[in-house]
Every structure is written in C-alpha cells, then in structure tokens.
C-alpha atoms as a PDB file:
ATOM      1  CA  GLY A   1     126.263  92.086 107.224  1.00  0.00           C
ATOM      2  CA  THR A   2     124.872  94.649 109.593  1.00  0.00           C
ATOM      3  CA  GLN A   3     121.795  93.912 111.681  1.00  0.00           C
ATOM      4  CA  VAL A   4     118.958  96.203 110.658  1.00  0.00           C
ATOM      5  CA  LYS A   5     116.080  96.920 113.020  1.00  0.00           C
ATOM      6  CA  THR A   6     112.582  97.291 111.624  1.00  0.00           C
ATOM      7  CA  ILE A   7     110.394 100.332 112.140  1.00  0.00           C
ATOM      8  CA  GLU A   8     107.486  99.936 114.570  1.00  0.00           C
ATOM      9  CA  ASP A   9     104.800 101.118 112.114  1.00  0.00           C
ATOM     10  CA  GLU A  10     105.999  98.929 109.236  1.00  0.00           C
ATOM     11  CA  ASP A  11     105.454  95.262 108.438  1.00  0.00           C
ATOM     12  CA  THR A  12     108.130  92.631 109.047  1.00  0.00           C
ATOM     13  CA  PRO A  13     110.415  92.283 106.003  1.00  0.00           C
ATOM     14  CA  PHE A  14     110.348  88.889 104.274  1.00  0.00           C
ATOM     15  CA  ILE A  15     111.495  87.115 101.128  1.00  0.00           C
ATOM     16  CA  SER A  16     110.054  84.022  99.487  1.00  0.00           C
ATOM     17  CA  PHE A  17     111.679  81.942  96.746  1.00  0.00           C
ATOM     18  CA  GLN A  18     109.466  80.078  94.241  1.00  0.00           C
ATOM     19  CA  LYS A  19     111.627  77.230  92.980  1.00  0.00           C
ATOM     20  CA  GLU A  20     109.278  76.127  90.176  1.00  0.00           C
ATOM     21  CA  GLU A  21     109.338  79.556  88.511  1.00  0.00           C
ATOM     22  CA  SER A  22     112.834  80.687  89.608  1.00  0.00           C
ATOM     23  CA  ARG A  23     111.260  83.843  91.024  1.00  0.00           C
ATOM     24  CA  PHE A  24     111.389  85.567  94.378  1.00  0.00           C
ATOM     25  CA  TYR A  25     109.192  88.168  96.025  1.00  0.00           C
ATOM     26  CA  GLY A  26     108.863  89.838  99.381  1.00  0.00           C
ATOM     27  CA  SER A  27     108.568  93.032 101.340  1.00  0.00           C
ATOM     28  CA  THR A  28     111.040  95.488 102.822  1.00  0.00           C
ATOM     29  CA  GLY A  29     108.447  96.280 105.472  1.00  0.00           C
ATOM     30  CA  CYS A  30     107.231  99.224 103.413  1.00  0.00           C
ATOM     31  CA  ASN A  31     107.546  98.340  99.719  1.00  0.00           C
ATOM     32  CA  SER A  32     107.021  95.038  97.912  1.00  0.00           C
ATOM     33  CA  PHE A  33     109.765  93.636  95.677  1.00  0.00           C
ATOM     34  CA  PHE A  34     110.114  90.837  93.135  1.00  0.00           C
ATOM     35  CA  GLY A  35     112.598  89.379  90.702  1.00  0.00           C
ATOM     36  CA  ASN A  36     114.137  86.296  89.162  1.00  0.00           C
ATOM     37  CA  TYR A  37     116.915  84.098  90.462  1.00  0.00           C
ATOM     38  CA  GLU A  38     119.146  81.475  88.919  1.00  0.00           C
ATOM     39  CA  VAL A  39     121.233  78.887  90.720  1.00  0.00           C
ATOM     40  CA  LYS A  40     124.323  78.168  88.623  1.00  0.00           C
ATOM     41  CA  GLU A  41     125.904  74.763  87.929  1.00  0.00           C
ATOM     42  CA  LYS A  42     127.893  75.035  91.122  1.00  0.00           C
ATOM     43  CA  GLN A  43     125.053  74.608  93.640  1.00  0.00           C
ATOM     44  CA  ASP A  44     125.875  77.610  95.840  1.00  0.00           C
ATOM     45  CA  ASN A  45     126.212  80.247  93.082  1.00  0.00           C
ATOM     46  CA  ILE A  46     123.091  82.390  92.686  1.00  0.00           C
ATOM     47  CA  THR A  47     122.201  85.388  90.545  1.00  0.00           C
ATOM     48  CA  LEU A  48     119.326  87.751  91.300  1.00  0.00           C
ATOM     49  CA  SER A  49     117.967  89.649  88.293  1.00  0.00           C
ATOM     50  CA  ASN A  50     115.075  91.744  86.981  1.00  0.00           C
ATOM     51  CA  ILE A  51     114.509  93.149  90.480  1.00  0.00           C
ATOM     52  CA  GLY A  52     111.633  95.579  90.771  1.00  0.00           C
ATOM     53  CA  SER A  53     109.645  97.132  93.587  1.00  0.00           C
ATOM     54  CA  THR A  54     106.768  99.370  94.472  1.00  0.00           C
ATOM     55  CA  LYS A  55     107.819 102.943  95.215  1.00  0.00           C
ATOM     56  CA  LYS A  56     105.867 104.056  98.290  1.00  0.00           C
ATOM     57  CA  LEU A  57     107.421 106.771 100.433  1.00  0.00           C
ATOM     58  CA  CYS A  58     108.623 105.053 103.613  1.00  0.00           C
ATOM     59  CA  ALA A  59     109.019 106.704 107.015  1.00  0.00           C
ATOM     60  CA  ASP A  60     112.575 105.349 107.263  1.00  0.00           C
ATOM     61  CA  MET A  61     114.493 103.971 104.291  1.00  0.00           C
ATOM     62  CA  THR A  62     117.223 102.238 106.360  1.00  0.00           C
ATOM     63  CA  VAL A  63     115.820  98.705 106.062  1.00  0.00           C
ATOM     64  CA  GLU A  64     114.856  99.140 102.424  1.00  0.00           C
ATOM     65  CA  ASP A  65     118.266 100.539 101.461  1.00  0.00           C
ATOM     66  CA  ALA A  66     120.040  97.663 103.275  1.00  0.00           C
ATOM     67  CA  ILE A  67     117.947  95.014 101.498  1.00  0.00           C
ATOM     68  CA  PHE A  68     118.445  96.432  98.001  1.00  0.00           C
ATOM     69  CA  SER A  69     122.148  97.019  98.664  1.00  0.00           C
ATOM     70  CA  ALA A  70     122.488  93.368  99.686  1.00  0.00           C
ATOM     71  CA  PHE A  71     120.606  92.181  96.573  1.00  0.00           C
ATOM     72  CA  ALA A  72     123.135  93.999  94.371  1.00  0.00           C
ATOM     73  CA  GLN A  73     126.017  92.081  95.994  1.00  0.00           C
ATOM     74  CA  VAL A  74     124.587  88.531  96.160  1.00  0.00           C
ATOM     75  CA  ALA A  75     126.856  85.918  94.555  1.00  0.00           C
ATOM     76  CA  SER A  76     126.224  82.718  96.526  1.00  0.00           C
ATOM     77  CA  VAL A  77     123.800  81.082  98.914  1.00  0.00           C
ATOM     78  CA  ASN A  78     124.065  78.553 101.738  1.00  0.00           C
ATOM     79  CA  TYR A  79     120.982  77.140 103.404  1.00  0.00           C
ATOM     80  CA  ASN A  80     119.650  74.487 105.742  1.00  0.00           C
ATOM     81  CA  ASP A  81     116.456  73.973 107.744  1.00  0.00           C
ATOM     82  CA  THR A  82     117.165  76.861 110.112  1.00  0.00           C
ATOM     83  CA  LYS A  83     118.639  79.650 107.980  1.00  0.00           C
ATOM     84  CA  MET A  84     119.643  80.917 104.551  1.00  0.00           C
ATOM     85  CA  GLN A  85     122.772  83.000 104.085  1.00  0.00           C
ATOM     86  CA  LEU A  86     123.234  85.192 101.032  1.00  0.00           C
ATOM     87  CA  LYS A  87     126.915  85.950 100.464  1.00  0.00           C
ATOM     88  CA  ASP A  88     128.956  88.338  98.349  1.00  0.00           C
ATOM     89  CA  ALA A  89     131.689  87.314  95.892  1.00  0.00           C
ATOM     90  CA  ASN A  90     134.237  87.152  98.744  1.00  0.00           C
ATOM     91  CA  GLY A  91     132.081  84.770 100.795  1.00  0.00           C
ATOM     92  CA  ASN A  92     131.008  87.415 103.329  1.00  0.00           C
ATOM     93  CA  VAL A  93     127.466  86.994 104.676  1.00  0.00           C
ATOM     94  CA  ILE A  94     125.462  90.011 103.557  1.00  0.00           C
ATOM     95  CA  MET A  95     121.988  88.761 104.494  1.00  0.00           C
ATOM     96  CA  GLU A  96     120.877  86.000 106.845  1.00  0.00           C
ATOM     97  CA  LEU A  97     117.283  84.830 106.652  1.00  0.00           C
ATOM     98  CA  SER A  98     115.289  82.635 109.036  1.00  0.00           C
ATOM     99  CA  PRO A  99     112.165  80.682 108.067  1.00  0.00           C
ATOM    100  CA  VAL A 100     108.830  81.979 109.324  1.00  0.00           C
ATOM    101  CA  LYS A 101     107.375  79.692 111.958  1.00  0.00           C
END
C-alpha cells in the first residue's frame, strides 16, 4: 500500500475489531465508519461487509479515500502483537495497522 499522511486539523485514523460481535468501527480522521467482518475457515481469510460511515465534509479526502479503497480490496489478514496487515486477493499488503500504545 501507499503511506498516507494525516491532516493536521483532523484526528488520528484508527480501527477497532470487536471479536465477540464480529464488528469493526473506527475513524478516518474526519468521518466515523463501522461494519461487520467474518474470518473464514482458513484462518487468514477475512471479509468486510455492511460498511457504513458518517458523511461530514472533510478538508482533505485523501486519507478517507485510501481507507475505503483498501476496505473494498481486503481478502486476508495477518497479525501478531506488533501489527496487523490487511491484504488483497493477490497477497499484497494494502493496509498495515499498529496497536495504540
């Protein structure tokens, strides 16, 4: 994926996965988003669905567009204690996430 820099006046983007409910939520830095996820039989296959978001007008849509574009391509996930990688169907990393400390 491409590194995307956040806008000074916006919040830090984040995503949180709720395992018990198979839901995720977060922020693009401007708008909030939410949806469902399902991990398939093969442990690294993941599907994101029912994605929705607030629709505030953002000063710069670069980060938001990159996040939603990545969501549309997610096919698998790899994770450990230090990072989570969301990958496309070809195994290319499209989003790399680090835990908040």
